[in-house]
Amino acid sequence: MNVTQGSEHMSTRPETASSGASVTSATAIVPRETETELEGDEELTWMEELPEQPGVPRGFQQLTPLDTLNVRTTIDSREKCCGAGLDFHVLNEDGELVYTVSEDTTMVCRHLLGPHRALFLSVLNEKGQLVALFVKPWRCDAGWVPCWMHKIMLQTPEDHFVGWVRQRFSFGDAIMDILDEDDEVVFQVKGGPTCAMRCSTSLTYGLYSPEGDGDGGEVVKYDAKAEDLPINMSHEDFMVKFPEFSSEKEKMLMLGAAFLLNFMYFEVT
């Protein structure tokens, strides 16, 4: 299946992107053999699995009690030289694993196209089952072409379209719309410059209602010095703080917005 560059809706999961990337179906994912993962010398434990809820996509219920997510690139990803996609740990405030996220792209796309690249992000639970799929088509690096803005789509393993995150043309702050399955704007992302600032130690983007009200939500790129990490190893570590009363679908879309910000403005690997 091809990622359609101009398409605004995709109700079926792509199988091959224009970049040559492929996505693994949920049934083909091998479950993990243990309940812990290693991040350097640190052993990570999984968050307790919560019961499914009516009207909430399977696996999204893990987001119900959470106000904050911390996203960290895995050590193996940081050490890749000729590898393809990155891998991420998504942690709650207690440092427990909520999801793992695996990027599916090609070595050529990642290292030569960088933030331009098309990719898939598979969000996996403790059992290695696909919870959500983000699809990002190929786009230009900066937001200077109004008809060629960055975007990322969210869908479930059952091919149910959940929503989009789409960059808006702007000469000032970076602006993104977070849209639900009915194409209604539910939140906006604002802040930071429209050009990539990959050498900055920290950046903050606010999450606002469509009316422009700030509810305390934000996406924050970590300060490398505060994290006591080499600066070139922390650019893909960031935090998402959800606005109050956000739904599970909206929280997952905000996670997608954070990944899109990462690819566009933070990433240096």
C-alpha atoms as a PDB file:
ATOM      1  CA  MET A   1       0.000   0.000   0.000  1.00  0.00           C
ATOM      2  CA  ASN A   2       1.314   3.420  -0.922  1.00  0.00           C
ATOM      3  CA  VAL A   3       1.319   6.514   1.225  1.00  0.00           C
ATOM      4  CA  THR A   4      -0.684   8.976  -0.842  1.00  0.00           C
ATOM      5  CA  GLN A   5       1.067  12.307  -0.661  1.00  0.00           C
ATOM      6  CA  GLY A   6      -1.988  14.467  -1.208  1.00  0.00           C
ATOM      7  CA  SER A   7      -4.529  12.345   0.596  1.00  0.00           C
ATOM      8  CA  GLU A   8      -6.182  13.843   3.683  1.00  0.00           C
ATOM      9  CA  HIS A   9      -7.697  10.579   4.885  1.00  0.00           C
ATOM     10  CA  MET A  10      -6.451   7.014   4.864  1.00  0.00           C
ATOM     11  CA  SER A  11      -8.829   4.344   6.084  1.00  0.00           C
ATOM     12  CA  THR A  12      -6.541   1.430   5.295  1.00  0.00           C
ATOM     13  CA  ARG A  13      -3.091   0.721   6.634  1.00  0.00           C
ATOM     14  CA  PRO A  14      -0.274   1.349   4.163  1.00  0.00           C
ATOM     15  CA  GLU A  15       2.034  -1.584   3.445  1.00  0.00           C
ATOM     16  CA  THR A  16       4.752   0.263   1.561  1.00  0.00           C
ATOM     17  CA  ALA A  17       5.552   3.948   1.729  1.00  0.00           C
ATOM     18  CA  SER A  18       6.857   5.976  -1.152  1.00  0.00           C
ATOM     19  CA  SER A  19      10.228   5.768   0.617  1.00  0.00           C
ATOM     20  CA  GLY A  20      10.263   1.993   0.459  1.00  0.00           C
ATOM     21  CA  ALA A  21       9.460   1.597   4.168  1.00  0.00           C
ATOM     22  CA  SER A  22       7.195  -1.220   5.209  1.00  0.00           C
ATOM     23  CA  VAL A  23       4.979  -1.808   8.220  1.00  0.00           C
ATOM     24  CA  THR A  24       4.597  -5.002  10.178  1.00  0.00           C
ATOM     25  CA  SER A  25       1.053  -6.107  10.901  1.00  0.00           C
ATOM     26  CA  ALA A  26      -0.063  -6.747  14.466  1.00  0.00           C
ATOM     27  CA  THR A  27      -0.331 -10.482  13.890  1.00  0.00           C
ATOM     28  CA  ALA A  28       3.281 -10.718  12.770  1.00  0.00           C
ATOM     29  CA  ILE A  29       4.781  -9.004  15.807  1.00  0.00           C
ATOM     30  CA  VAL A  30       6.561 -11.418  18.122  1.00  0.00           C
ATOM     31  CA  PRO A  31       5.564 -10.964  21.800  1.00  0.00           C
ATOM     32  CA  ARG A  32       8.329 -10.097  24.235  1.00  0.00           C
ATOM     33  CA  GLU A  33       9.771 -12.938  26.280  1.00  0.00           C
ATOM     34  CA  THR A  34      10.190 -10.880  29.463  1.00  0.00           C
ATOM     35  CA  GLU A  35       8.321  -8.100  31.226  1.00  0.00           C
ATOM     36  CA  THR A  36      11.351  -5.827  31.485  1.00  0.00           C
ATOM     37  CA  GLU A  37      13.561  -3.994  29.043  1.00  0.00           C
ATOM     38  CA  LEU A  38      17.001  -2.492  29.474  1.00  0.00           C
ATOM     39  CA  GLU A  39      17.894   1.132  28.830  1.00  0.00           C
ATOM     40  CA  GLY A  40      21.641   1.210  29.306  1.00  0.00           C
ATOM     41  CA  ASP A  41      22.202  -0.236  32.787  1.00  0.00           C
ATOM     42  CA  GLU A  42      18.658   0.654  33.873  1.00  0.00           C
ATOM     43  CA  GLU A  43      15.982  -2.025  34.002  1.00  0.00           C
ATOM     44  CA  LEU A  44      12.550  -0.800  32.977  1.00  0.00           C
ATOM     45  CA  THR A  45       9.290  -2.333  34.145  1.00  0.00           C
ATOM     46  CA  TRP A  46       5.955  -2.144  32.393  1.00  0.00           C
ATOM     47  CA  MET A  47       2.975  -0.182  33.636  1.00  0.00           C
ATOM     48  CA  GLU A  48       0.143  -2.384  34.860  1.00  0.00           C
ATOM     49  CA  GLU A  49      -2.273  -3.232  32.062  1.00  0.00           C
ATOM     50  CA  LEU A  50      -5.607  -1.476  32.541  1.00  0.00           C
ATOM     51  CA  PRO A  51      -8.996  -2.964  31.561  1.00  0.00           C
ATOM     52  CA  GLU A  52     -10.410  -2.011  28.180  1.00  0.00           C
ATOM     53  CA  GLN A  53     -13.056   0.718  28.107  1.00  0.00           C
ATOM     54  CA  PRO A  54     -16.137   1.115  25.874  1.00  0.00           C
ATOM     55  CA  GLY A  55     -15.507   3.579  23.064  1.00  0.00           C
ATOM     56  CA  VAL A  56     -11.750   3.618  23.655  1.00  0.00           C
ATOM     57  CA  PRO A  57      -9.492   1.841  21.100  1.00  0.00           C
ATOM     58  CA  ARG A  58      -7.763  -1.224  22.522  1.00  0.00           C
ATOM     59  CA  GLY A  59      -4.539  -0.229  24.224  1.00  0.00           C
ATOM     60  CA  PHE A  60      -5.415   3.474  24.408  1.00  0.00           C
ATOM     61  CA  GLN A  61      -6.828   2.911  27.926  1.00  0.00           C
ATOM     62  CA  GLN A  62      -3.256   2.990  29.273  1.00  0.00           C
ATOM     63  CA  LEU A  63      -3.359   6.749  28.707  1.00  0.00           C
ATOM     64  CA  THR A  64      -6.488   7.330  30.840  1.00  0.00           C
ATOM     65  CA  PRO A  65      -4.796   8.054  34.204  1.00  0.00           C
ATOM     66  CA  LEU A  66      -1.709   9.745  32.735  1.00  0.00           C
ATOM     67  CA  ASP A  67      -1.007  13.470  32.669  1.00  0.00           C
ATOM     68  CA  THR A  68       2.537  13.229  31.299  1.00  0.00           C
ATOM     69  CA  LEU A  69       4.546  10.998  28.981  1.00  0.00           C
ATOM     70  CA  ASN A  70       8.325  10.960  28.691  1.00  0.00           C
ATOM     71  CA  VAL A  71       9.759   9.728  25.385  1.00  0.00           C
ATOM     72  CA  ARG A  72      13.343   8.518  25.206  1.00  0.00           C
ATOM     73  CA  THR A  73      15.318   7.172  22.288  1.00  0.00           C
ATOM     74  CA  THR A  74      16.716   3.756  23.188  1.00  0.00           C
ATOM     75  CA  ILE A  75      20.457   3.410  23.698  1.00  0.00           C
ATOM     76  CA  ASP A  76      20.669   0.967  20.776  1.00  0.00           C
ATOM     77  CA  SER A  77      19.053   3.561  18.505  1.00  0.00           C
ATOM     78  CA  ARG A  78      21.502   6.246  19.568  1.00  0.00           C
ATOM     79  CA  GLU A  79      24.424   3.984  18.751  1.00  0.00           C
ATOM     80  CA  LYS A  80      23.183   3.131  15.267  1.00  0.00           C
ATOM     81  CA  CYS A  81      25.483   4.261  12.472  1.00  0.00           C
ATOM     82  CA  CYS A  82      24.179   2.502   9.401  1.00  0.00           C
ATOM     83  CA  GLY A  83      20.858   1.404  10.859  1.00  0.00           C
ATOM     84  CA  ALA A  84      17.427   2.445   9.670  1.00  0.00           C
ATOM     85  CA  GLY A  85      14.635   3.551  11.993  1.00  0.00           C
ATOM     86  CA  LEU A  86      14.878   4.627  15.616  1.00  0.00           C
ATOM     87  CA  ASP A  87      13.247   2.940  18.615  1.00  0.00           C
ATOM     88  CA  PHE A  88      11.702   4.780  21.545  1.00  0.00           C
ATOM     89  CA  HIS A  89      10.546   4.074  25.087  1.00  0.00           C
ATOM     90  CA  VAL A  90       7.366   5.881  26.198  1.00  0.00           C
ATOM     91  CA  LEU A  91       7.360   6.189  30.000  1.00  0.00           C
ATOM     92  CA  ASN A  92       4.891   7.441  32.590  1.00  0.00           C
ATOM     93  CA  GLU A  93       5.805   9.774  35.463  1.00  0.00           C
ATOM     94  CA  ASP A  94       6.909   6.799  37.574  1.00  0.00           C
ATOM     95  CA  GLY A  95       9.397   5.684  34.916  1.00  0.00           C
ATOM     96  CA  GLU A  96       7.292   2.664  33.889  1.00  0.00           C
ATOM     97  CA  LEU A  97       7.000   1.642  30.251  1.00  0.00           C
ATOM     98  CA  VAL A  98       3.647   2.517  28.722  1.00  0.00           C
ATOM     99  CA  TYR A  99       4.552   1.704  25.102  1.00  0.00           C
ATOM    100  CA  THR A 100       7.522   1.054  22.902  1.00  0.00           C
ATOM    101  CA  VAL A 101       7.593   2.804  19.534  1.00  0.00           C
ATOM    102  CA  SER A 102       9.475   1.509  16.515  1.00  0.00           C
ATOM    103  CA  GLU A 103      10.186   3.571  13.411  1.00  0.00           C
ATOM    104  CA  ASP A 104       9.945   1.762  10.090  1.00  0.00           C
ATOM    105  CA  THR A 105      11.895   3.481   7.331  1.00  0.00           C
ATOM    106  CA  THR A 106      15.041   2.813   5.282  1.00  0.00           C
ATOM    107  CA  MET A 107      18.679   3.670   5.937  1.00  0.00           C
ATOM    108  CA  VAL A 108      18.736   5.891   2.856  1.00  0.00           C
ATOM    109  CA  CYS A 109      15.641   7.783   3.948  1.00  0.00           C
ATOM    110  CA  ARG A 110      16.808   8.318   7.503  1.00  0.00           C
ATOM    111  CA  HIS A 111      20.405   9.347   6.833  1.00  0.00           C
ATOM    112  CA  LEU A 112      19.997  11.199   3.523  1.00  0.00           C
ATOM    113  CA  LEU A 113      16.482  12.647   3.730  1.00  0.00           C
ATOM    114  CA  GLY A 114      16.409  13.182   7.504  1.00  0.00           C
ATOM    115  CA  PRO A 115      13.218  14.997   8.568  1.00  0.00           C
ATOM    116  CA  HIS A 116      11.965  14.923   4.961  1.00  0.00           C
ATOM    117  CA  ARG A 117      11.564  11.128   5.092  1.00  0.00           C
ATOM    118  CA  ALA A 118       8.412   9.062   4.938  1.00  0.00           C
ATOM    119  CA  LEU A 119       8.019   6.621   7.811  1.00  0.00           C
ATOM    120  CA  PHE A 120       5.721   4.517   9.948  1.00  0.00           C
ATOM    121  CA  LEU A 121       5.706   4.521  13.753  1.00  0.00           C
ATOM    122  CA  SER A 122       4.354   1.348  15.353  1.00  0.00           C
ATOM    123  CA  VAL A 123       3.143   1.820  18.936  1.00  0.00           C
ATOM    124  CA  LEU A 124       3.418  -1.506  20.787  1.00  0.00           C
ATOM    125  CA  ASN A 125       2.202  -2.713  24.172  1.00  0.00           C
ATOM    126  CA  GLU A 126       3.901  -5.050  26.652  1.00  0.00           C
ATOM    127  CA  LYS A 127       2.895  -8.122  24.641  1.00  0.00           C
ATOM    128  CA  GLY A 128       4.367  -6.679  21.454  1.00  0.00           C
ATOM    129  CA  GLN A 129       0.885  -6.100  19.996  1.00  0.00           C
ATOM    130  CA  LEU A 130       0.248  -3.152  17.726  1.00  0.00           C
ATOM    131  CA  VAL A 131      -1.800  -0.508  19.564  1.00  0.00           C
ATOM    132  CA  ALA A 132      -1.588   2.359  17.069  1.00  0.00           C
ATOM    133  CA  LEU A 133       0.123   3.251  13.806  1.00  0.00           C
ATOM    134  CA  PHE A 134       1.401   6.684  12.830  1.00  0.00           C
ATOM    135  CA  VAL A 135       2.006   7.333   9.121  1.00  0.00           C
ATOM    136  CA  LYS A 136       4.156  10.253   7.980  1.00  0.00           C
ATOM    137  CA  PRO A 137       4.461  10.930   4.237  1.00  0.00           C
ATOM    138  CA  TRP A 138       7.475  12.576   2.614  1.00  0.00           C
ATOM    139  CA  ARG A 139       7.525  16.343   3.073  1.00  0.00           C
ATOM    140  CA  CYS A 140       9.833  19.354   2.844  1.00  0.00           C
ATOM    141  CA  ASP A 141      11.990  20.185   5.875  1.00  0.00           C
ATOM    142  CA  ALA A 142      10.789  23.718   6.590  1.00  0.00           C
ATOM    143  CA  GLY A 143       7.338  25.259   6.442  1.00  0.00           C
ATOM    144  CA  TRP A 144       7.893  27.683   3.587  1.00  0.00           C
ATOM    145  CA  VAL A 145       5.700  25.934   1.004  1.00  0.00           C
ATOM    146  CA  PRO A 146       2.012  26.314   2.007  1.00  0.00           C
ATOM    147  CA  CYS A 147       0.836  23.335  -0.055  1.00  0.00           C
ATOM    148  CA  TRP A 148       3.563  20.996   1.205  1.00  0.00           C
ATOM    149  CA  MET A 149       3.194  21.005   4.984  1.00  0.00           C
ATOM    150  CA  HIS A 150       4.330  18.228   7.315  1.00  0.00           C
ATOM    151  CA  LYS A 151       1.664  15.907   8.684  1.00  0.00           C
ATOM    152  CA  ILE A 152       1.255  12.594  10.462  1.00  0.00           C
ATOM    153  CA  MET A 153      -1.797  10.337  10.531  1.00  0.00           C
ATOM    154  CA  LEU A 154      -3.014   8.089  13.370  1.00  0.00           C
ATOM    155  CA  GLN A 155      -4.966   4.870  12.903  1.00  0.00           C
ATOM    156  CA  THR A 156      -5.691   1.731  14.895  1.00  0.00           C
ATOM    157  CA  PRO A 157      -4.636  -1.834  13.941  1.00  0.00           C
ATOM    158  CA  GLU A 158      -8.205  -2.333  12.709  1.00  0.00           C
ATOM    159  CA  ASP A 159      -7.567   0.447  10.145  1.00  0.00           C
ATOM    160  CA  HIS A 160      -9.850   2.898  11.953  1.00  0.00           C
ATOM    161  CA  PHE A 161      -8.824   6.470  11.182  1.00  0.00           C
ATOM    162  CA  VAL A 162      -8.352   8.413  14.453  1.00  0.00           C
ATOM    163  CA  GLY A 163      -7.053  11.767  13.277  1.00  0.00           C
ATOM    164  CA  TRP A 164      -4.261  13.909  11.856  1.00  0.00           C
ATOM    165  CA  VAL A 165      -1.601  16.309  13.049  1.00  0.00           C
ATOM    166  CA  ARG A 166      -0.928  18.898  10.324  1.00  0.00           C
ATOM    167  CA  GLN A 167       1.542  21.739  10.156  1.00  0.00           C
ATOM    168  CA  ARG A 168       0.147  25.186   9.326  1.00  0.00           C
ATOM    169  CA  PHE A 169       1.900  27.803   7.228  1.00  0.00           C
ATOM    170  CA  SER A 170       3.363  30.502   9.458  1.00  0.00           C
ATOM    171  CA  PHE A 171       6.057  33.191   9.334  1.00  0.00           C
ATOM    172  CA  GLY A 172       6.263  33.323  13.123  1.00  0.00           C
ATOM    173  CA  ASP A 173       5.900  30.510  15.634  1.00  0.00           C
ATOM    174  CA  ALA A 174       5.566  26.918  14.514  1.00  0.00           C
ATOM    175  CA  ILE A 175       1.867  25.986  14.428  1.00  0.00           C
ATOM    176  CA  MET A 176       0.209  22.583  14.057  1.00  0.00           C
ATOM    177  CA  ASP A 177      -3.440  21.571  14.087  1.00  0.00           C
ATOM    178  CA  ILE A 178      -4.502  18.379  15.854  1.00  0.00           C
ATOM    179  CA  LEU A 179      -7.636  17.115  14.104  1.00  0.00           C
ATOM    180  CA  ASP A 180      -9.997  14.309  15.106  1.00  0.00           C
ATOM    181  CA  GLU A 181     -11.610  11.708  12.859  1.00  0.00           C
ATOM    182  CA  ASP A 182     -14.223  14.264  11.743  1.00  0.00           C
ATOM    183  CA  ASP A 183     -11.491  16.691  10.637  1.00  0.00           C
ATOM    184  CA  GLU A 184     -12.350  19.050  13.495  1.00  0.00           C
ATOM    185  CA  VAL A 185      -9.488  20.883  15.208  1.00  0.00           C
ATOM    186  CA  VAL A 186      -9.374  19.734  18.837  1.00  0.00           C
ATOM    187  CA  PHE A 187      -6.014  21.266  19.824  1.00  0.00           C
ATOM    188  CA  GLN A 188      -3.266  23.408  18.368  1.00  0.00           C
ATOM    189  CA  VAL A 189       0.482  23.248  18.907  1.00  0.00           C
ATOM    190  CA  LYS A 190       2.237  26.622  19.042  1.00  0.00           C
ATOM    191  CA  GLY A 191       5.735  27.758  19.921  1.00  0.00           C
ATOM    192  CA  GLY A 192       9.334  27.758  18.855  1.00  0.00           C
ATOM    193  CA  PRO A 193      10.667  28.983  15.508  1.00  0.00           C
ATOM    194  CA  THR A 194       9.412  27.752  12.131  1.00  0.00           C
ATOM    195  CA  CYS A 195      12.954  26.684  11.232  1.00  0.00           C
ATOM    196  CA  ALA A 196      14.711  23.681  12.756  1.00  0.00           C
ATOM    197  CA  MET A 197      16.702  24.434  15.923  1.00  0.00           C
ATOM    198  CA  ARG A 198      18.452  21.101  16.377  1.00  0.00           C
ATOM    199  CA  CYS A 199      21.343  22.482  18.434  1.00  0.00           C
ATOM    200  CA  SER A 200      19.113  24.141  21.051  1.00  0.00           C
ATOM    201  CA  THR A 201      19.344  22.490  24.448  1.00  0.00           C
ATOM    202  CA  SER A 202      15.639  22.927  25.178  1.00  0.00           C
ATOM    203  CA  LEU A 203      12.478  23.941  23.329  1.00  0.00           C
ATOM    204  CA  THR A 204       8.855  24.246  24.492  1.00  0.00           C
ATOM    205  CA  TYR A 205       5.687  24.066  22.401  1.00  0.00           C
ATOM    206  CA  GLY A 206       2.320  24.807  24.013  1.00  0.00           C
ATOM    207  CA  LEU A 207      -0.881  22.807  23.481  1.00  0.00           C
ATOM    208  CA  TYR A 208      -3.922  25.077  23.100  1.00  0.00           C
ATOM    209  CA  SER A 209      -7.645  24.739  22.522  1.00  0.00           C
ATOM    210  CA  PRO A 210      -9.002  25.808  19.089  1.00  0.00           C
ATOM    211  CA  GLU A 211     -10.024  29.097  20.738  1.00  0.00           C
ATOM    212  CA  GLY A 212      -6.415  29.707  21.751  1.00  0.00           C
ATOM    213  CA  ASP A 213      -6.797  28.963  25.458  1.00  0.00           C
ATOM    214  CA  GLY A 214      -3.807  27.318  27.122  1.00  0.00           C
ATOM    215  CA  ASP A 215      -4.668  24.479  29.509  1.00  0.00           C
ATOM    216  CA  GLY A 216      -1.142  23.772  30.680  1.00  0.00           C
ATOM    217  CA  GLY A 217      -0.360  21.204  27.994  1.00  0.00           C
ATOM    218  CA  GLU A 218       3.029  21.308  26.308  1.00  0.00           C
ATOM    219  CA  VAL A 219       5.702  19.391  24.431  1.00  0.00           C
ATOM    220  CA  VAL A 220       9.177  19.965  25.862  1.00  0.00           C
ATOM    221  CA  LYS A 221      12.517  18.919  24.427  1.00  0.00           C
ATOM    222  CA  TYR A 222      14.813  18.042  27.318  1.00  0.00           C
ATOM    223  CA  ASP A 223      17.779  20.176  28.282  1.00  0.00           C
ATOM    224  CA  ALA A 224      20.764  17.905  27.706  1.00  0.00           C
ATOM    225  CA  LYS A 225      22.760  19.458  30.540  1.00  0.00           C
ATOM    226  CA  ALA A 226      19.892  19.044  32.996  1.00  0.00           C
ATOM    227  CA  GLU A 227      19.625  15.416  31.961  1.00  0.00           C
ATOM    228  CA  ASP A 228      23.420  14.999  32.375  1.00  0.00           C
ATOM    229  CA  LEU A 229      23.716  13.574  28.864  1.00  0.00           C
ATOM    230  CA  PRO A 230      25.948  14.528  25.926  1.00  0.00           C
ATOM    231  CA  ILE A 231      24.077  17.090  23.859  1.00  0.00           C
ATOM    232  CA  ASN A 232      24.089  15.007  20.680  1.00  0.00           C
ATOM    233  CA  MET A 233      22.465  12.069  22.494  1.00  0.00           C
ATOM    234  CA  SER A 234      19.408  13.779  23.974  1.00  0.00           C
ATOM    235  CA  HIS A 235      17.796  15.452  20.985  1.00  0.00           C
ATOM    236  CA  GLU A 236      15.235  12.675  20.667  1.00  0.00           C
ATOM    237  CA  ASP A 237      14.258  12.760  24.358  1.00  0.00           C
ATOM    238  CA  PHE A 238      11.152  14.834  25.045  1.00  0.00           C
ATOM    239  CA  MET A 239       8.087  15.153  27.289  1.00  0.00           C
ATOM    240  CA  VAL A 240       4.373  15.521  26.536  1.00  0.00           C
ATOM    241  CA  LYS A 241       2.168  17.110  29.194  1.00  0.00           C
ATOM    242  CA  PHE A 242      -1.515  16.702  28.363  1.00  0.00           C
ATOM    243  CA  PRO A 243      -4.099  19.462  28.793  1.00  0.00           C
ATOM    244  CA  GLU A 244      -6.724  18.753  31.439  1.00  0.00           C
ATOM    245  CA  PHE A 245      -9.721  16.620  30.409  1.00  0.00           C
ATOM    246  CA  SER A 246      -8.065  15.288  27.239  1.00  0.00           C
ATOM    247  CA  SER A 247      -9.530  12.045  25.888  1.00  0.00           C
ATOM    248  CA  GLU A 248      -7.476   8.932  25.191  1.00  0.00           C
ATOM    249  CA  LYS A 249      -7.637   9.528  21.433  1.00  0.00           C
ATOM    250  CA  GLU A 250      -6.563  13.146  21.876  1.00  0.00           C
ATOM    251  CA  LYS A 251      -3.644  12.066  24.062  1.00  0.00           C
ATOM    252  CA  MET A 252      -2.467   9.605  21.424  1.00  0.00           C
ATOM    253  CA  LEU A 253      -2.734  12.334  18.775  1.00  0.00           C
ATOM    254  CA  MET A 254      -0.676  14.649  21.007  1.00  0.00           C
ATOM    255  CA  LEU A 255       1.958  11.928  21.251  1.00  0.00           C
ATOM    256  CA  GLY A 256       1.968  11.888  17.446  1.00  0.00           C
ATOM    257  CA  ALA A 257       2.364  15.682  17.426  1.00  0.00           C
ATOM    258  CA  ALA A 258       5.371  15.318  19.732  1.00  0.00           C
ATOM    259  CA  PHE A 259       6.968  12.799  17.376  1.00  0.00           C
ATOM    260  CA  LEU A 260       6.322  15.106  14.413  1.00  0.00           C
ATOM    261  CA  LEU A 261       7.978  17.976  16.287  1.00  0.00           C
ATOM    262  CA  ASN A 262      10.892  15.681  17.063  1.00  0.00           C
ATOM    263  CA  PHE A 263      11.445  14.756  13.419  1.00  0.00           C
ATOM    264  CA  MET A 264      11.062  18.344  12.236  1.00  0.00           C
ATOM    265  CA  TYR A 265      12.952  20.322  14.878  1.00  0.00           C
ATOM    266  CA  PHE A 266      14.823  18.128  17.410  1.00  0.00           C
ATOM    267  CA  GLU A 267      16.362  15.167  15.635  1.00  0.00           C
ATOM    268  CA  VAL A 268      20.061  15.163  14.792  1.00  0.00           C
ATOM    269  CA  THR A 269      20.831  11.419  14.450  1.00  0.00           C
END
